[in-house]
Protein backbone atom coordinates (compact mmCIF):
# COMPACT_ATOMS: atom_id res chain seq x y z
CA MET A 1 81.63 -3.47 -21.74
CA HIS A 2 82.76 -5.18 -24.70
CA THR A 3 82.37 -9.13 -24.75
CA LYS A 4 86.00 -9.56 -24.33
CA ASN A 5 86.17 -7.39 -21.08
CA TRP A 6 83.47 -9.54 -19.66
CA LEU A 7 85.40 -12.76 -20.48
CA LYS A 8 88.19 -11.26 -18.56
CA TRP A 9 85.98 -10.52 -15.56
CA ARG A 10 84.28 -13.88 -15.26
CA TYR A 11 86.20 -16.69 -13.38
CA ALA A 12 85.17 -20.10 -12.27
CA THR A 13 83.25 -19.10 -9.01
CA LYS A 14 84.05 -21.38 -6.22
CA LYS A 15 81.76 -19.87 -3.53
CA PHE A 16 78.28 -18.35 -4.19
CA ASP A 17 76.25 -15.73 -2.20
CA ALA A 18 73.27 -17.89 -1.34
CA THR A 19 71.36 -14.92 -0.41
CA LYS A 20 71.48 -13.25 -3.86
CA GLU A 21 69.10 -14.60 -6.73
CA VAL A 22 69.40 -14.22 -10.36
CA SER A 23 66.39 -12.24 -11.71
CA ALA A 24 63.77 -14.28 -13.66
CA ASP A 25 64.63 -11.92 -16.70
CA ASP A 26 68.32 -12.67 -16.56
CA LEU A 27 67.73 -16.38 -16.09
CA GLU A 28 65.44 -16.32 -19.23
CA TYR A 29 68.15 -14.30 -21.20
CA ILE A 30 70.90 -17.08 -20.47
CA LEU A 31 68.29 -19.93 -21.25
CA GLU A 32 67.62 -17.99 -24.53
CA ALA A 33 71.47 -17.87 -25.40
CA GLY A 34 71.38 -21.75 -25.00
CA ASN A 35 68.51 -22.11 -27.10
CA LEU A 36 70.15 -19.91 -29.77
CA ALA A 37 73.41 -21.64 -29.58
CA ALA A 38 74.81 -23.53 -32.69
CA THR A 39 74.57 -27.24 -32.89
CA SER A 40 75.21 -30.08 -35.50
CA TYR A 41 72.49 -29.94 -38.23
CA GLY A 42 70.66 -27.63 -35.80
CA LEU A 43 69.16 -30.55 -34.21
CA GLN A 44 69.71 -29.20 -30.46
CA PRO A 45 70.05 -32.67 -28.92
CA PHE A 46 69.80 -31.84 -25.49
CA LYS A 47 67.78 -30.15 -22.81
CA ILE A 48 68.76 -27.39 -20.05
CA VAL A 49 67.33 -28.67 -16.85
CA VAL A 50 66.84 -25.69 -14.57
CA VAL A 51 67.15 -26.58 -10.92
CA THR A 52 66.12 -23.93 -8.41
CA ASP A 53 64.68 -26.23 -5.59
CA LYS A 54 66.85 -25.99 -2.77
CA GLU A 55 66.13 -29.61 -1.38
CA LYS A 56 66.96 -31.02 -4.81
CA LYS A 57 70.14 -28.98 -4.95
CA GLN A 58 71.37 -30.23 -1.67
CA ALA A 59 70.69 -33.84 -2.70
CA LEU A 60 72.95 -33.33 -5.66
CA VAL A 61 75.66 -31.98 -3.83
CA GLY A 62 76.70 -35.56 -2.67
CA HIS A 63 76.96 -36.78 -6.26
CA ALA A 64 79.19 -33.82 -7.04
CA TYR A 65 81.95 -34.67 -4.71
CA ASN A 66 80.44 -32.06 -2.03
CA GLN A 67 81.25 -29.15 -4.09
CA GLY A 68 79.37 -26.25 -2.49
CA GLN A 69 78.74 -24.37 -5.65
CA VAL A 70 76.13 -27.13 -6.59
CA GLY A 71 74.03 -26.26 -3.55
CA GLU A 72 74.53 -22.45 -2.94
CA ASN A 73 73.93 -21.04 -6.34
CA SER A 74 70.97 -19.20 -7.43
CA ALA A 75 70.14 -21.76 -10.18
CA LEU A 76 71.97 -24.93 -11.39
CA LEU A 77 71.70 -25.50 -15.06
CA VAL A 78 72.10 -29.14 -16.10
CA LEU A 79 72.76 -29.70 -19.61
CA ALA A 80 71.23 -33.34 -20.43
CA ALA A 81 72.14 -34.97 -23.67
CA ARG A 82 69.19 -36.73 -25.52
CA THR A 83 69.41 -40.53 -25.88
CA ASP A 84 66.44 -40.55 -28.38
CA VAL A 85 68.06 -38.91 -31.59
CA ASP A 86 66.26 -41.20 -33.90
CA ALA A 87 64.43 -40.97 -37.07
CA THR A 88 61.34 -39.50 -35.34
CA TYR A 89 63.19 -37.00 -33.71
CA ILE A 90 64.68 -36.00 -36.92
CA ALA A 91 61.42 -35.99 -38.75
CA GLU A 92 59.79 -33.69 -36.13
CA TYR A 93 62.76 -31.38 -36.63
CA THR A 94 62.49 -31.15 -40.40
CA ALA A 95 58.68 -30.54 -39.92
CA ARG A 96 59.61 -27.47 -37.71
CA ILE A 97 61.90 -26.32 -40.48
CA GLU A 98 59.17 -26.45 -43.07
CA ARG A 99 56.54 -24.55 -40.77
CA THR A 100 58.95 -21.97 -39.77
CA ARG A 101 60.43 -21.19 -43.25
CA SER A 102 56.95 -21.72 -44.91
CA LEU A 103 57.98 -24.58 -46.96
CA PRO A 104 55.74 -27.12 -48.63
CA ALA A 105 55.63 -30.69 -46.90
CA GLY A 106 58.62 -32.74 -47.89
CA ALA A 107 60.87 -29.75 -49.08
CA VAL A 108 63.64 -30.80 -47.03
CA ASP A 109 63.34 -34.66 -47.15
CA GLY A 110 66.75 -34.95 -48.93
CA TYR A 111 68.11 -33.16 -45.76
CA LYS A 112 66.26 -35.30 -43.57
CA ASP A 113 67.41 -38.61 -45.16
CA MET A 114 70.99 -37.44 -44.89
CA MET A 115 70.75 -36.79 -41.10
CA VAL A 116 68.93 -39.97 -40.62
CA GLY A 117 71.49 -41.93 -42.55
CA ASP A 118 74.28 -40.30 -40.71
CA LEU A 119 72.97 -40.50 -37.24
CA THR A 120 71.33 -44.02 -37.16
CA ASN A 121 74.40 -45.52 -38.73
CA ARG A 122 76.33 -44.58 -35.50
CA THR A 123 76.46 -46.71 -32.46
CA GLU A 124 74.35 -45.52 -29.52
CA ALA A 125 77.48 -44.73 -27.62
CA ASP A 126 78.66 -42.50 -30.50
CA ARG A 127 75.44 -40.92 -30.58
CA LEU A 128 75.64 -39.89 -27.21
CA VAL A 129 79.05 -38.61 -27.48
CA TRP A 130 77.82 -36.41 -30.49
CA ALA A 131 74.93 -34.97 -28.42
CA GLN A 132 77.17 -34.28 -25.64
CA LYS A 133 79.43 -32.22 -27.69
CA GLN A 134 76.48 -30.05 -28.88
CA ALA A 135 75.55 -29.41 -25.16
CA TYR A 136 79.18 -28.05 -24.60
CA ILE A 137 78.50 -25.67 -27.27
CA ALA A 138 75.43 -24.27 -25.47
CA LEU A 139 77.43 -24.35 -22.18
CA GLY A 140 79.87 -21.91 -23.67
CA THR A 141 77.21 -19.61 -25.21
CA MET A 142 75.46 -19.32 -21.81
CA MET A 143 78.46 -18.80 -19.83
CA ILE A 144 79.31 -15.71 -22.07
CA ALA A 145 75.55 -14.55 -21.85
CA ALA A 146 75.61 -14.88 -17.98
CA ALA A 147 78.96 -12.79 -17.98
CA GLU A 148 77.39 -10.13 -20.07
CA LYS A 149 74.99 -9.71 -17.38
CA GLY A 150 77.42 -9.63 -14.59
CA ILE A 151 76.43 -13.04 -13.42
CA ASP A 152 78.84 -15.21 -11.99
CA ASN A 153 79.05 -18.89 -13.18
CA ALA A 154 80.87 -22.07 -12.79
CA PRO A 155 80.93 -25.01 -15.36
CA MET A 156 81.60 -28.11 -13.81
CA GLU A 157 82.29 -31.65 -14.96
CA GLY A 158 83.05 -33.20 -11.52
CA PHE A 159 79.76 -34.98 -10.85
CA ASN A 160 78.25 -38.33 -11.06
CA PRO A 161 75.92 -38.42 -13.88
CA ALA A 162 74.05 -41.64 -12.88
CA GLY A 163 73.27 -39.77 -9.66
CA PHE A 164 72.00 -36.75 -11.35
CA ASN A 165 69.99 -38.76 -13.71
CA GLU A 166 68.28 -40.56 -10.72
CA ILE A 167 67.54 -37.56 -8.62
CA LEU A 168 66.47 -35.48 -11.59
CA GLY A 169 64.63 -38.42 -13.21
CA LEU A 170 66.18 -37.58 -16.45
CA SER A 171 66.59 -41.32 -17.70
CA ALA A 172 62.69 -41.54 -17.94
CA HIS A 173 62.66 -38.56 -20.38
CA ASN A 174 65.63 -40.07 -22.34
CA LEU A 175 68.30 -37.58 -21.07
CA HIS A 176 71.64 -38.18 -19.69
CA ALA A 177 73.40 -35.31 -17.34
CA THR A 178 76.47 -34.14 -19.41
CA VAL A 179 77.80 -31.14 -17.92
CA ILE A 180 76.26 -28.46 -15.25
CA LEU A 181 76.60 -24.79 -14.93
CA ALA A 182 76.03 -23.07 -11.60
CA ILE A 183 75.13 -19.38 -11.83
CA GLY A 184 74.65 -16.58 -9.30
CA TYR A 185 76.65 -13.87 -7.47
CA ARG A 186 80.11 -14.43 -5.98
CA SER A 187 80.40 -14.41 -2.30
CA THR A 188 82.91 -11.81 -0.71
CA GLU A 189 84.49 -14.65 0.77
CA ASP A 190 85.41 -16.37 -2.44
CA GLU A 191 89.22 -15.60 -2.47
CA THR A 192 89.66 -16.90 -6.15
CA GLN A 193 87.75 -13.88 -7.58
CA ASN A 194 91.08 -11.87 -6.78
CA TYR A 195 93.41 -14.23 -8.57
CA ALA A 196 94.91 -13.12 -11.55
CA LYS A 197 93.55 -14.71 -14.94
CA VAL A 198 96.15 -17.24 -16.16
CA ARG A 199 96.20 -17.85 -19.90
CA LYS A 200 98.55 -18.48 -22.67
CA ASN A 201 99.78 -15.75 -24.89
CA LEU A 202 97.61 -15.56 -28.00
CA ASP A 203 100.48 -16.73 -30.30
CA ASP A 204 101.05 -19.91 -28.19
CA ILE A 205 97.41 -21.13 -28.84
CA VAL A 206 96.63 -19.86 -32.32
CA VAL A 207 98.17 -21.47 -35.58
CA ARG A 208 98.13 -19.19 -38.51
CA ILE A 209 98.64 -21.06 -41.80
């Protein structure tokens, strides 16, 4: 099917079949899509935390308003924004640019200085908001990749980030839970899979100038 048809097929799964597992290859495909997602400056200021441990997932359910999808999925992908995007982090990125593109050391110093100037002049809170926006781009990209593999998914904001940070030990790694994506296969008991998709007409959402 074309991408548009997969987007019509997917829905926010409310109940997963806990007996069905996403294959390692398909999970890797989804994670690669997240890694390839566009981000501001290409800095990728987040990590994708893959939670498959059943006890960990069950511990997280209580911090997600007891939503069943958090515990019964095949894998729970927690997109966690980085809180340590500083001059050192940016320098590591520009060094990677130079290695990847076989450029001499210092070839992109101007770009580095521009990024440092932009991001370090923002408040800590503003940098976090910026990093979280990039995580959402990866979220959308992974949702499309999952759908193309016929894998159901449910993006979720309804959770307590502090609780997730604690259980997953994120703060110690300069990470902050931002949004989660449960992936797996829909249960036959999930009635919402039969609901018609409700969207605006294209002309109601697109402004042509």
